[in-house]
């Protein structure tokens, strides 16, 4: 059966940031027998890739980007169990633990980065916001993470990024776990100062940086 039209509508649902439609189409694809992995790769991923391109060109703005990321998450949530059951999941590019650091409740940017990492082929464990520094390290161990992504949206919470790095060092994990930092007040200079392995100023660059970091580790 040709699912081309279905995949095109999936792509459009992400471009439109239509959470309800994205989820409905995911359910429809399962009832039609469309392979879940194909729905992700040929439908939703195509949409999120175009969203990323439009955002980078300044043709799409943050509210639209957030809506598209949420639509993508909705669809993935429905399709993931089917992918796992059928053992059809893609070989992950890498494993990422991501969250907003202790004392900071902002999570829109972090959520967008997490969604785009998933869309790009990473396994992602999103810890949410206001995450204790020790928890980042504990979950990195449990998840066998290649990368820990630390978001800080306030200058007052930026030192928590340094704290996570110190704990990773103390636990002897810095040789194996790369650290990627970002957030509105975070700069490349700060990343270098605290010894982070990478810095990204937006979601598009975060994906590129993550791919580089896992590539460096291989």
N, C-alpha and C. Protein backbone atom coordinates (compact mmCIF):
# COMPACT_ATOMS: atom_id res chain seq x y z
N UNK A 1 0.85 -1.21 0.00
CA UNK A 1 0.00 0.00 0.00
C UNK A 1 0.88 1.25 0.00
N UNK A 2 0.45 2.24 -0.76
CA UNK A 2 1.18 3.50 -0.84
C UNK A 2 0.69 4.44 0.26
N UNK A 3 1.59 4.79 1.17
CA UNK A 3 1.23 5.66 2.28
C UNK A 3 1.70 7.10 2.05
N UNK A 4 2.05 7.39 0.81
CA UNK A 4 2.63 8.70 0.51
C UNK A 4 1.79 9.87 0.97
N UNK A 5 0.48 9.81 0.72
CA UNK A 5 -0.40 10.91 1.11
C UNK A 5 -0.46 11.04 2.63
N UNK A 6 -0.49 9.91 3.32
CA UNK A 6 -0.52 9.93 4.79
C UNK A 6 0.75 10.58 5.34
N UNK A 7 1.90 10.21 4.79
CA UNK A 7 3.16 10.77 5.26
C UNK A 7 3.24 12.27 4.98
N UNK A 8 2.68 12.68 3.85
CA UNK A 8 2.68 14.11 3.51
C UNK A 8 1.82 14.89 4.51
N UNK A 9 0.69 14.31 4.91
CA UNK A 9 -0.17 14.96 5.90
C UNK A 9 0.50 15.00 7.29
N UNK A 10 1.27 13.96 7.60
CA UNK A 10 2.03 13.95 8.85
C UNK A 10 3.04 15.10 8.85
N UNK A 11 3.75 15.22 7.75
CA UNK A 11 4.73 16.31 7.62
C UNK A 11 4.05 17.65 7.80
N UNK A 12 2.89 17.83 7.16
CA UNK A 12 2.18 19.10 7.24
C UNK A 12 1.67 19.39 8.64
N UNK A 13 1.28 18.33 9.36
CA UNK A 13 0.79 18.54 10.73
C UNK A 13 1.88 19.12 11.62
N UNK A 14 3.12 18.71 11.39
CA UNK A 14 4.24 19.24 12.16
C UNK A 14 4.52 20.68 11.73
N UNK A 15 4.50 20.92 10.43
CA UNK A 15 4.71 22.28 9.93
C UNK A 15 3.65 23.24 10.47
N UNK A 16 2.42 22.74 10.61
CA UNK A 16 1.33 23.56 11.11
C UNK A 16 1.33 23.65 12.64
N UNK A 17 2.14 22.80 13.29
CA UNK A 17 2.12 22.78 14.75
C UNK A 17 0.79 22.30 15.29
N UNK A 18 0.14 21.40 14.54
CA UNK A 18 -1.19 20.91 14.91
C UNK A 18 -1.05 19.63 15.74
N UNK A 19 -1.03 19.79 17.05
CA UNK A 19 -0.79 18.66 17.95
C UNK A 19 -1.88 17.59 17.81
N UNK A 20 -3.12 18.03 17.76
CA UNK A 20 -4.24 17.08 17.65
C UNK A 20 -4.18 16.30 16.35
N UNK A 21 -3.92 16.98 15.25
CA UNK A 21 -3.85 16.32 13.95
C UNK A 21 -2.65 15.37 13.87
N UNK A 22 -1.52 15.78 14.42
CA UNK A 22 -0.34 14.91 14.41
C UNK A 22 -0.62 13.60 15.14
N UNK A 23 -1.27 13.71 16.29
CA UNK A 23 -1.62 12.52 17.04
C UNK A 23 -2.65 11.67 16.33
N UNK A 24 -3.64 12.32 15.73
CA UNK A 24 -4.69 11.59 15.02
C UNK A 24 -4.11 10.80 13.85
N UNK A 25 -3.18 11.42 13.14
CA UNK A 25 -2.56 10.75 11.99
C UNK A 25 -1.69 9.59 12.44
N UNK A 26 -1.05 9.73 13.60
CA UNK A 26 -0.25 8.62 14.12
C UNK A 26 -1.16 7.42 14.42
N UNK A 27 -2.32 7.70 15.05
CA UNK A 27 -3.29 6.64 15.32
C UNK A 27 -3.80 6.03 14.01
N UNK A 28 -4.07 6.88 13.04
CA UNK A 28 -4.57 6.41 11.74
C UNK A 28 -3.54 5.50 11.07
N UNK A 29 -2.27 5.87 11.16
CA UNK A 29 -1.23 5.07 10.52
C UNK A 29 -1.16 3.67 11.14
N UNK A 30 -1.33 3.60 12.45
CA UNK A 30 -1.31 2.30 13.12
C UNK A 30 -2.50 1.45 12.69
N UNK A 31 -3.67 2.06 12.59
CA UNK A 31 -4.86 1.30 12.18
C UNK A 31 -4.76 0.85 10.73
N UNK A 32 -4.02 1.60 9.91
CA UNK A 32 -3.85 1.23 8.50
C UNK A 32 -2.74 0.20 8.30
N UNK A 33 -1.95 -0.02 9.33
CA UNK A 33 -0.86 -0.97 9.21
C UNK A 33 0.42 -0.37 8.64
N UNK A 34 0.50 0.93 8.59
CA UNK A 34 1.72 1.57 8.10
C UNK A 34 2.85 1.35 9.11
N UNK A 35 4.05 1.00 8.64
CA UNK A 35 5.17 0.79 9.57
C UNK A 35 5.44 2.05 10.39
N UNK A 36 5.52 1.90 11.71
CA UNK A 36 5.70 3.07 12.58
C UNK A 36 6.99 3.81 12.27
N UNK A 37 8.05 3.07 11.99
CA UNK A 37 9.33 3.72 11.70
C UNK A 37 9.25 4.56 10.44
N UNK A 38 8.55 4.03 9.43
CA UNK A 38 8.40 4.80 8.19
C UNK A 38 7.58 6.06 8.44
N UNK A 39 6.56 5.94 9.29
CA UNK A 39 5.74 7.12 9.61
C UNK A 39 6.60 8.21 10.23
N UNK A 40 7.52 7.79 11.11
CA UNK A 40 8.41 8.76 11.74
C UNK A 40 9.39 9.34 10.73
N UNK A 41 10.08 8.45 10.02
CA UNK A 41 11.14 8.90 9.11
C UNK A 41 10.63 9.65 7.89
N UNK A 42 9.53 9.16 7.31
CA UNK A 42 9.05 9.72 6.05
C UNK A 42 7.95 10.76 6.23
N UNK A 43 7.43 10.84 7.45
CA UNK A 43 6.38 11.82 7.71
C UNK A 43 6.83 12.91 8.66
N UNK A 44 6.85 12.58 9.95
CA UNK A 44 7.10 13.59 10.98
C UNK A 44 8.50 14.19 10.92
N UNK A 45 9.51 13.33 10.67
CA UNK A 45 10.88 13.85 10.61
C UNK A 45 11.04 14.85 9.47
N UNK A 46 10.40 14.55 8.33
CA UNK A 46 10.47 15.48 7.20
C UNK A 46 9.91 16.85 7.61
N UNK A 47 8.84 16.81 8.41
CA UNK A 47 8.26 18.06 8.86
C UNK A 47 9.16 18.81 9.80
N UNK A 48 9.74 18.13 10.78
CA UNK A 48 10.58 18.81 11.76
C UNK A 48 11.87 19.30 11.13
N UNK A 49 12.35 18.60 10.11
CA UNK A 49 13.54 19.07 9.40
C UNK A 49 13.25 20.37 8.66
N UNK A 50 12.08 20.43 8.04
CA UNK A 50 11.72 21.67 7.34
C UNK A 50 11.48 22.81 8.32
N UNK A 51 10.89 22.48 9.47
CA UNK A 51 10.69 23.49 10.52
C UNK A 51 12.05 24.05 10.95
N UNK A 52 13.02 23.17 11.17
CA UNK A 52 14.35 23.61 11.57
C UNK A 52 14.98 24.52 10.55
N UNK A 53 14.81 24.16 9.28
CA UNK A 53 15.36 24.98 8.20
C UNK A 53 14.70 26.35 8.15
N UNK A 54 13.39 26.39 8.29
CA UNK A 54 12.66 27.66 8.27
C UNK A 54 13.04 28.54 9.46
N UNK A 55 13.21 27.90 10.61
CA UNK A 55 13.60 28.65 11.81
C UNK A 55 14.98 29.26 11.64
N UNK A 56 15.88 28.48 11.07
CA UNK A 56 17.25 28.96 10.88
C UNK A 56 17.30 30.13 9.90
N UNK A 57 16.39 30.14 8.94
CA UNK A 57 16.33 31.21 7.95
C UNK A 57 15.57 32.44 8.46
N UNK A 58 14.98 32.31 9.64
CA UNK A 58 14.19 33.41 10.18
C UNK A 58 12.80 33.50 9.59
N UNK A 59 12.35 32.41 8.95
CA UNK A 59 11.02 32.38 8.34
C UNK A 59 9.99 31.73 9.26
N UNK A 60 10.45 31.21 10.39
CA UNK A 60 9.55 30.67 11.41
C UNK A 60 10.07 31.14 12.75
N UNK A 61 9.16 31.42 13.67
CA UNK A 61 9.56 32.01 14.95
C UNK A 61 9.27 31.07 16.11
N UNK A 62 9.72 31.48 17.29
CA UNK A 62 9.69 30.59 18.45
C UNK A 62 8.32 29.98 18.75
N UNK A 63 7.23 30.74 18.75
CA UNK A 63 5.94 30.12 19.05
C UNK A 63 5.59 28.98 18.08
N UNK A 64 5.86 29.20 16.79
CA UNK A 64 5.61 28.15 15.80
C UNK A 64 6.52 26.95 16.01
N UNK A 65 7.77 27.23 16.35
CA UNK A 65 8.73 26.16 16.60
C UNK A 65 8.31 25.30 17.78
N UNK A 66 7.84 25.96 18.83
CA UNK A 66 7.36 25.24 20.01
C UNK A 66 6.18 24.34 19.65
N UNK A 67 5.23 24.89 18.90
CA UNK A 67 4.05 24.11 18.50
C UNK A 67 4.44 22.92 17.65
N UNK A 68 5.37 23.11 16.73
CA UNK A 68 5.81 22.01 15.88
C UNK A 68 6.50 20.93 16.70
N UNK A 69 7.31 21.34 17.65
CA UNK A 69 8.00 20.37 18.51
C UNK A 69 7.00 19.57 19.33
N UNK A 70 5.95 20.22 19.81
CA UNK A 70 4.93 19.54 20.59
C UNK A 70 4.13 18.57 19.71
N UNK A 71 3.86 18.96 18.49
CA UNK A 71 3.16 18.06 17.55
C UNK A 71 4.00 16.82 17.29
N UNK A 72 5.30 17.02 17.11
CA UNK A 72 6.21 15.90 16.88
C UNK A 72 6.22 14.98 18.10
N UNK A 73 6.28 15.55 19.29
CA UNK A 73 6.30 14.76 20.52
C UNK A 73 5.02 13.94 20.66
N UNK A 74 3.90 14.54 20.32
CA UNK A 74 2.62 13.85 20.42
C UNK A 74 2.61 12.61 19.54
N UNK A 75 3.08 12.77 18.32
CA UNK A 75 3.09 11.64 17.38
C UNK A 75 4.07 10.56 17.84
N UNK A 76 5.25 10.97 18.28
CA UNK A 76 6.24 9.99 18.73
C UNK A 76 5.74 9.20 19.93
N UNK A 77 5.02 9.88 20.82
CA UNK A 77 4.49 9.19 21.98
C UNK A 77 3.54 8.07 21.61
N UNK A 78 2.79 8.27 20.54
CA UNK A 78 1.83 7.26 20.09
C UNK A 78 2.54 6.14 19.33
N UNK A 79 3.53 6.48 18.54
CA UNK A 79 4.18 5.50 17.67
C UNK A 79 5.30 4.71 18.36
N UNK A 80 5.89 5.27 19.40
CA UNK A 80 7.05 4.63 20.02
C UNK A 80 6.76 3.22 20.53
N UNK A 81 5.63 2.97 21.22
CA UNK A 81 5.37 1.60 21.68
C UNK A 81 5.32 0.59 20.55
N UNK A 82 4.74 0.98 19.43
CA UNK A 82 4.65 0.09 18.28
C UNK A 82 6.04 -0.20 17.71
N UNK A 83 6.88 0.82 17.67
CA UNK A 83 8.24 0.64 17.17
C UNK A 83 9.02 -0.32 18.07
N UNK A 84 8.86 -0.14 19.37
CA UNK A 84 9.58 -0.98 20.31
C UNK A 84 9.07 -2.41 20.26
N UNK A 85 7.75 -2.58 20.16
CA UNK A 85 7.15 -3.91 20.13
C UNK A 85 7.62 -4.70 18.92
N UNK A 86 7.72 -4.01 17.81
CA UNK A 86 8.13 -4.66 16.57
C UNK A 86 9.64 -4.71 16.41
N UNK A 87 10.34 -4.14 17.41
CA UNK A 87 11.81 -4.08 17.35
C UNK A 87 12.29 -3.44 16.06
N UNK A 88 11.59 -2.38 15.67
CA UNK A 88 11.95 -1.72 14.42
C UNK A 88 12.67 -0.39 14.65
N UNK A 89 13.01 -0.12 15.89
CA UNK A 89 13.64 1.16 16.20
C UNK A 89 14.96 1.34 15.48
N UNK A 90 15.21 2.55 15.08
CA UNK A 90 16.48 2.87 14.43
C UNK A 90 17.64 2.71 15.40
N UNK A 91 18.80 2.38 14.87
CA UNK A 91 19.99 2.39 15.70
C UNK A 91 20.27 3.84 16.06
N UNK A 92 20.27 4.12 17.34
CA UNK A 92 20.40 5.51 17.78
C UNK A 92 21.78 6.06 17.46
N UNK A 93 21.81 7.35 17.13
CA UNK A 93 23.10 8.02 16.93
C UNK A 93 23.86 8.12 18.25
N UNK A 94 23.10 8.24 19.33
CA UNK A 94 23.71 8.38 20.64
C UNK A 94 22.61 8.52 21.68
N UNK A 95 23.01 8.57 22.94
CA UNK A 95 22.06 8.66 24.05
C UNK A 95 22.31 9.95 24.81
N UNK A 96 21.25 10.73 24.98
CA UNK A 96 21.37 12.06 25.58
C UNK A 96 20.45 12.21 26.79
N UNK A 97 21.02 12.65 27.89
CA UNK A 97 20.22 13.06 29.04
C UNK A 97 20.16 14.59 29.00
N UNK A 98 18.96 15.14 29.05
CA UNK A 98 18.81 16.58 28.91
C UNK A 98 17.88 17.13 29.98
N UNK A 99 18.11 18.36 30.39
CA UNK A 99 17.24 18.99 31.37
C UNK A 99 17.65 20.43 31.62
N UNK A 100 16.78 21.15 32.31
CA UNK A 100 17.08 22.51 32.75
C UNK A 100 17.62 22.42 34.17
N UNK A 101 18.69 23.14 34.44
CA UNK A 101 19.42 22.98 35.69
C UNK A 101 18.65 23.44 36.93
N UNK A 102 19.19 23.06 38.07
CA UNK A 102 18.60 23.36 39.37
C UNK A 102 18.30 24.84 39.54
N UNK A 103 17.09 25.14 40.04
CA UNK A 103 16.70 26.51 40.31
C UNK A 103 16.07 27.22 39.14
N UNK A 104 15.96 26.54 37.99
CA UNK A 104 15.46 27.16 36.76
C UNK A 104 14.26 26.37 36.25
N UNK A 105 13.11 27.02 36.14
CA UNK A 105 11.90 26.30 35.73
C UNK A 105 11.56 26.47 34.26
N UNK A 106 12.41 27.16 33.51
CA UNK A 106 12.15 27.37 32.08
C UNK A 106 12.49 26.10 31.30
N UNK A 107 11.57 25.66 30.43
CA UNK A 107 11.89 24.42 29.72
C UNK A 107 11.47 24.39 28.25
N UNK A 108 10.98 25.51 27.72
CA UNK A 108 10.54 25.50 26.32
C UNK A 108 11.72 25.20 25.39
N UNK A 109 12.82 25.93 25.55
CA UNK A 109 13.98 25.71 24.68
C UNK A 109 14.53 24.32 24.80
N UNK A 110 14.62 23.83 26.03
CA UNK A 110 15.12 22.49 26.28
C UNK A 110 14.22 21.44 25.64
N UNK A 111 12.92 21.66 25.71
CA UNK A 111 11.97 20.72 25.12
C UNK A 111 12.10 20.67 23.61
N UNK A 112 12.30 21.83 23.00
CA UNK A 112 12.50 21.88 21.55
C UNK A 112 13.76 21.12 21.17
N UNK A 113 14.84 21.36 21.91
CA UNK A 113 16.10 20.66 21.62
C UNK A 113 15.90 19.15 21.75
N UNK A 114 15.23 18.72 22.82
CA UNK A 114 15.01 17.29 23.01
C UNK A 114 14.21 16.68 21.87
N UNK A 115 13.17 17.36 21.43
CA UNK A 115 12.34 16.85 20.33
C UNK A 115 13.14 16.75 19.04
N UNK A 116 13.96 17.74 18.78
CA UNK A 116 14.74 17.74 17.55
C UNK A 116 15.85 16.70 17.60
N UNK A 117 16.38 16.44 18.78
CA UNK A 117 17.37 15.36 18.92
C UNK A 117 16.72 14.01 18.63
N UNK A 118 15.52 13.81 19.17
CA UNK A 118 14.79 12.57 18.90
C UNK A 118 14.54 12.43 17.40
N UNK A 119 14.08 13.51 16.78
CA UNK A 119 13.79 13.49 15.35
C UNK A 119 15.03 13.21 14.52
N UNK A 120 16.18 13.55 15.07
CA UNK A 120 17.44 13.38 14.33
C UNK A 120 18.09 12.02 14.60
N UNK A 121 17.44 11.20 15.43
CA UNK A 121 17.95 9.84 15.62
C UNK A 121 18.61 9.54 16.94
N UNK A 122 18.51 10.45 17.91
CA UNK A 122 19.08 10.22 19.24
C UNK A 122 18.03 9.62 20.18
N UNK A 123 18.48 8.80 21.13
CA UNK A 123 17.64 8.40 22.24
C UNK A 123 17.79 9.49 23.31
N UNK A 124 16.69 10.03 23.78
CA UNK A 124 16.74 11.17 24.70
C UNK A 124 15.95 10.88 25.98
N UNK A 125 16.59 11.16 27.10
CA UNK A 125 15.91 11.11 28.40
C UNK A 125 15.79 12.55 28.89
N UNK A 126 14.57 13.08 28.87
CA UNK A 126 14.32 14.46 29.27
C UNK A 126 13.93 14.48 30.75
N UNK A 127 14.77 15.09 31.57
CA UNK A 127 14.54 15.15 33.02
C UNK A 127 13.64 16.30 33.43
N UNK A 128 13.28 17.16 32.49
CA UNK A 128 12.41 18.28 32.82
C UNK A 128 13.19 19.51 33.28
N UNK A 129 12.57 20.30 34.15
CA UNK A 129 13.19 21.54 34.62
C UNK A 129 13.52 21.45 36.10
N UNK A 130 14.35 22.39 36.57
CA UNK A 130 14.75 22.45 37.98
C UNK A 130 15.34 21.12 38.44
N UNK A 131 16.30 20.62 37.66
CA UNK A 131 16.88 19.30 37.91
C UNK A 131 18.12 19.42 38.79
N UNK A 132 18.15 18.66 39.85
CA UNK A 132 19.29 18.66 40.75
C UNK A 132 20.54 18.18 40.01
N UNK A 133 21.67 18.79 40.31
CA UNK A 133 22.91 18.47 39.60
C UNK A 133 23.29 16.99 39.74
N UNK A 134 23.12 16.45 40.93
CA UNK A 134 23.43 15.04 41.16
C UNK A 134 22.56 14.13 40.31
N UNK A 135 21.29 14.52 40.09
CA UNK A 135 20.38 13.69 39.32
C UNK A 135 20.85 13.57 37.87
N UNK A 136 21.39 14.66 37.31
CA UNK A 136 21.93 14.58 35.95
C UNK A 136 22.97 13.46 35.87
N UNK A 137 23.84 13.41 36.85
CA UNK A 137 24.93 12.44 36.85
C UNK A 137 24.40 11.03 37.07
N UNK A 138 23.50 10.88 38.02
CA UNK A 138 22.92 9.56 38.30
C UNK A 138 22.19 9.01 37.07
N UNK A 139 21.42 9.87 36.41
CA UNK A 139 20.67 9.42 35.24
C UNK A 139 21.60 9.17 34.04
N UNK A 140 22.69 9.91 33.96
CA UNK A 140 23.66 9.66 32.89
C UNK A 140 24.24 8.25 33.03
N UNK A 141 24.49 7.85 34.26
CA UNK A 141 24.98 6.49 34.52
C UNK A 141 23.92 5.46 34.14
N UNK A 142 22.71 5.66 34.63
CA UNK A 142 21.62 4.70 34.39
C UNK A 142 21.30 4.56 32.90
N UNK A 143 21.32 5.68 32.20
CA UNK A 143 20.92 5.72 30.79
C UNK A 143 22.09 5.40 29.87
N UNK A 144 23.29 5.25 30.47
CA UNK A 144 24.51 5.03 29.69
C UNK A 144 24.65 6.13 28.63
N UNK A 145 24.52 7.36 29.09
CA UNK A 145 24.48 8.51 28.18
C UNK A 145 25.83 8.81 27.55
N UNK A 146 25.76 9.24 26.32
CA UNK A 146 26.95 9.75 25.62
C UNK A 146 27.11 11.25 25.88
N UNK A 147 25.96 11.91 26.06
CA UNK A 147 25.95 13.37 26.21
C UNK A 147 24.98 13.75 27.33
N UNK A 148 25.37 14.76 28.11
CA UNK A 148 24.45 15.40 29.04
C UNK A 148 24.24 16.83 28.54
N UNK A 149 22.98 17.18 28.29
CA UNK A 149 22.64 18.52 27.82
C UNK A 149 22.08 19.36 28.95
N UNK A 150 22.72 20.50 29.22
CA UNK A 150 22.37 21.34 30.36
C UNK A 150 21.87 22.71 29.90
N UNK A 151 20.61 22.99 30.18
CA UNK A 151 20.03 24.27 29.79
C UNK A 151 19.90 25.18 31.01
N UNK A 152 20.27 26.44 30.84
CA UNK A 152 20.12 27.45 31.90
C UNK A 152 19.58 28.72 31.24
N UNK A 153 18.46 29.19 31.74
CA UNK A 153 17.83 30.38 31.15
C UNK A 153 18.00 31.62 32.02
N UNK A 154 18.68 31.48 33.15
CA UNK A 154 18.92 32.60 34.05
C UNK A 154 20.41 32.67 34.38
N UNK A 155 20.94 33.87 34.47
CA UNK A 155 22.36 34.00 34.83
C UNK A 155 22.62 33.43 36.23
N UNK A 156 21.61 33.49 37.07
CA UNK A 156 21.78 32.99 38.44
C UNK A 156 21.84 31.47 38.52
N UNK A 157 21.38 30.79 37.48
CA UNK A 157 21.41 29.32 37.51
C UNK A 157 22.55 28.73 36.67
N UNK A 158 23.23 29.58 35.93
CA UNK A 158 24.34 29.09 35.10
C UNK A 158 25.40 28.32 35.90
N UNK A 159 25.74 28.74 37.14
CA UNK A 159 26.76 27.99 37.89
C UNK A 159 26.41 26.51 38.10
N UNK A 160 25.14 26.16 38.01
CA UNK A 160 24.76 24.76 38.16
C UNK A 160 25.33 23.92 37.02
N UNK A 161 25.53 24.53 35.86
CA UNK A 161 26.16 23.80 34.75
C UNK A 161 27.58 23.40 35.14
N UNK A 162 28.30 24.33 35.75
CA UNK A 162 29.66 24.03 36.22
C UNK A 162 29.62 22.92 37.29
N UNK A 163 28.61 22.98 38.15
CA UNK A 163 28.50 21.99 39.22
C UNK A 163 28.33 20.57 38.67
N UNK A 164 27.51 20.43 37.63
CA UNK A 164 27.31 19.12 37.02
C UNK A 164 28.64 18.59 36.45
N UNK A 165 29.38 19.48 35.82
CA UNK A 165 30.68 19.08 35.27
C UNK A 165 31.62 18.62 36.38
N UNK A 166 31.60 19.31 37.49
CA UNK A 166 32.46 18.92 38.61
C UNK A 166 32.09 17.55 39.16
N UNK A 167 30.79 17.26 39.24
CA UNK A 167 30.35 15.97 39.75
C UNK A 167 30.73 14.86 38.77
N UNK A 168 30.54 15.13 37.49
CA UNK A 168 30.94 14.15 36.47
C UNK A 168 32.43 13.84 36.57
N UNK A 169 33.22 14.88 36.77
CA UNK A 169 34.67 14.72 36.92
C UNK A 169 34.98 13.89 38.15
N UNK A 170 34.34 14.21 39.25
CA UNK A 170 34.57 13.50 40.50
C UNK A 170 34.21 12.02 40.39
N UNK A 171 33.16 11.74 39.60
CA UNK A 171 32.71 10.36 39.42
C UNK A 171 33.51 9.61 38.35
N UNK A 172 34.46 10.29 37.75
CA UNK A 172 35.29 9.65 36.73
C UNK A 172 34.59 9.43 35.41
N UNK A 173 33.59 10.27 35.11
CA UNK A 173 32.80 10.07 33.89
C UNK A 173 33.15 11.03 32.76
N UNK A 174 34.00 11.99 33.02
CA UNK A 174 34.25 13.02 32.01
C UNK A 174 34.93 12.50 30.75
N UNK A 175 35.62 11.37 30.89
CA UNK A 175 36.25 10.81 29.70
C UNK A 175 35.25 10.17 28.76
N UNK A 176 34.10 9.78 29.30
CA UNK A 176 33.10 9.07 28.50
C UNK A 176 31.89 9.92 28.17
N UNK A 177 31.48 10.79 29.09
CA UNK A 177 30.26 11.58 28.90
C UNK A 177 30.61 13.01 28.48
N UNK A 178 30.11 13.40 27.32
CA UNK A 178 30.31 14.76 26.84
C UNK A 178 29.22 15.67 27.42
N UNK A 179 29.55 16.94 27.57
CA UNK A 179 28.59 17.90 28.13
C UNK A 179 28.34 19.02 27.12
N UNK A 180 27.06 19.23 26.83
CA UNK A 180 26.62 20.27 25.90
C UNK A 180 25.79 21.28 26.68
N UNK A 181 26.15 22.56 26.61
CA UNK A 181 25.43 23.58 27.37
C UNK A 181 24.77 24.58 26.44
N UNK A 182 23.67 25.18 26.95
CA UNK A 182 22.96 26.18 26.18
C UNK A 182 22.00 26.95 27.07
N UNK A 183 21.27 27.88 26.45
CA UNK A 183 20.34 28.74 27.19
C UNK A 183 20.64 30.19 26.88
N UNK A 184 19.64 31.02 27.03
CA UNK A 184 19.74 32.43 26.62
C UNK A 184 20.99 33.16 27.12
N UNK A 185 21.36 33.06 28.41
CA UNK A 185 22.52 33.82 28.88
C UNK A 185 23.85 33.11 28.66
N UNK A 186 23.78 31.85 28.22
CA UNK A 186 25.00 31.04 28.07
C UNK A 186 25.73 31.44 26.80
N UNK A 187 27.05 31.51 26.89
CA UNK A 187 27.87 31.87 25.74
C UNK A 187 28.94 30.81 25.51
N UNK A 188 29.56 30.88 24.35
CA UNK A 188 30.65 29.96 24.05
C UNK A 188 31.82 30.19 25.02
N UNK A 189 32.04 31.44 25.38
CA UNK A 189 33.10 31.76 26.32
C UNK A 189 32.85 31.06 27.66
N UNK A 190 31.60 31.07 28.13
CA UNK A 190 31.25 30.41 29.38
C UNK A 190 31.47 28.90 29.26
N UNK A 191 31.08 28.35 28.12
CA UNK A 191 31.25 26.91 27.91
C UNK A 191 32.72 26.52 28.02
N UNK A 192 33.58 27.33 27.42
CA UNK A 192 35.02 27.05 27.48
C UNK A 192 35.52 27.21 28.92
N UNK A 193 35.04 28.24 29.59
CA UNK A 193 35.48 28.51 30.96
C UNK A 193 35.18 27.36 31.91
N UNK A 194 34.00 26.74 31.77
CA UNK A 194 33.64 25.66 32.69
C UNK A 194 34.09 24.29 32.21
N UNK A 195 34.63 24.23 31.00
CA UNK A 195 35.14 22.96 30.49
C UNK A 195 34.12 22.09 29.78
N UNK A 196 33.03 22.69 29.32
CA UNK A 196 32.03 21.93 28.57
C UNK A 196 32.61 21.51 27.21
N UNK A 197 32.04 20.46 26.65
CA UNK A 197 32.53 19.95 25.36
C UNK A 197 31.88 20.64 24.17
N UNK A 198 30.75 21.27 24.41
CA UNK A 198 30.05 21.92 23.31
C UNK A 198 29.09 22.97 23.80
N UNK A 199 28.74 23.88 22.89
CA UNK A 199 27.80 24.97 23.19
C UNK A 199 26.91 25.16 21.98
N UNK A 200 25.63 25.43 22.23
CA UNK A 200 24.71 25.70 21.13
C UNK A 200 23.77 26.82 21.53
N UNK A 201 23.56 27.75 20.62
CA UNK A 201 22.70 28.89 20.93
C UNK A 201 21.25 28.67 20.53
N UNK A 202 20.97 27.60 19.78
CA UNK A 202 19.59 27.28 19.44
C UNK A 202 19.48 25.79 19.15
N UNK A 203 18.25 25.33 18.89
CA UNK A 203 18.00 23.91 18.72
C UNK A 203 18.70 23.32 17.50
N UNK A 204 18.76 24.07 16.42
CA UNK A 204 19.40 23.57 15.22
C UNK A 204 20.88 23.30 15.46
N UNK A 205 21.53 24.25 16.10
CA UNK A 205 22.96 24.10 16.38
C UNK A 205 23.20 23.03 17.46
N UNK A 206 22.22 22.85 18.34
CA UNK A 206 22.35 21.81 19.37
C UNK A 206 22.41 20.43 18.73
N UNK A 207 21.58 20.19 17.74
CA UNK A 207 21.60 18.91 17.04
C UNK A 207 22.94 18.71 16.33
N UNK A 208 23.40 19.74 15.66
CA UNK A 208 24.69 19.66 14.97
C UNK A 208 25.83 19.38 15.95
N UNK A 209 25.79 20.07 17.10
CA UNK A 209 26.82 19.88 18.10
C UNK A 209 26.77 18.47 18.68
N UNK A 210 25.56 17.95 18.91
CA UNK A 210 25.43 16.59 19.45
C UNK A 210 25.97 15.56 18.47
N UNK A 211 25.69 15.75 17.20
CA UNK A 211 26.21 14.83 16.18
C UNK A 211 27.72 14.88 16.15
N UNK A 212 28.28 16.08 16.28
CA UNK A 212 29.74 16.21 16.31
C UNK A 212 30.33 15.51 17.52
N UNK A 213 29.69 15.68 18.67
CA UNK A 213 30.22 15.10 19.90
C UNK A 213 30.21 13.57 19.87
N UNK A 214 29.14 12.98 19.36
CA UNK A 214 29.12 11.50 19.29
C UNK A 214 30.08 11.03 18.21
N UNK A 215 30.26 11.86 17.18
CA UNK A 215 31.22 11.51 16.14
C UNK A 215 32.64 11.52 16.68
N UNK A 216 32.94 12.52 17.52
CA UNK A 216 34.27 12.61 18.13
C UNK A 216 34.55 11.43 19.04
N UNK A 217 33.48 10.88 19.65
CA UNK A 217 33.65 9.80 20.61
C UNK A 217 33.83 8.45 19.94
N UNK A 218 33.51 8.38 18.65
CA UNK A 218 33.58 7.10 17.95
C UNK A 218 34.92 6.91 17.25
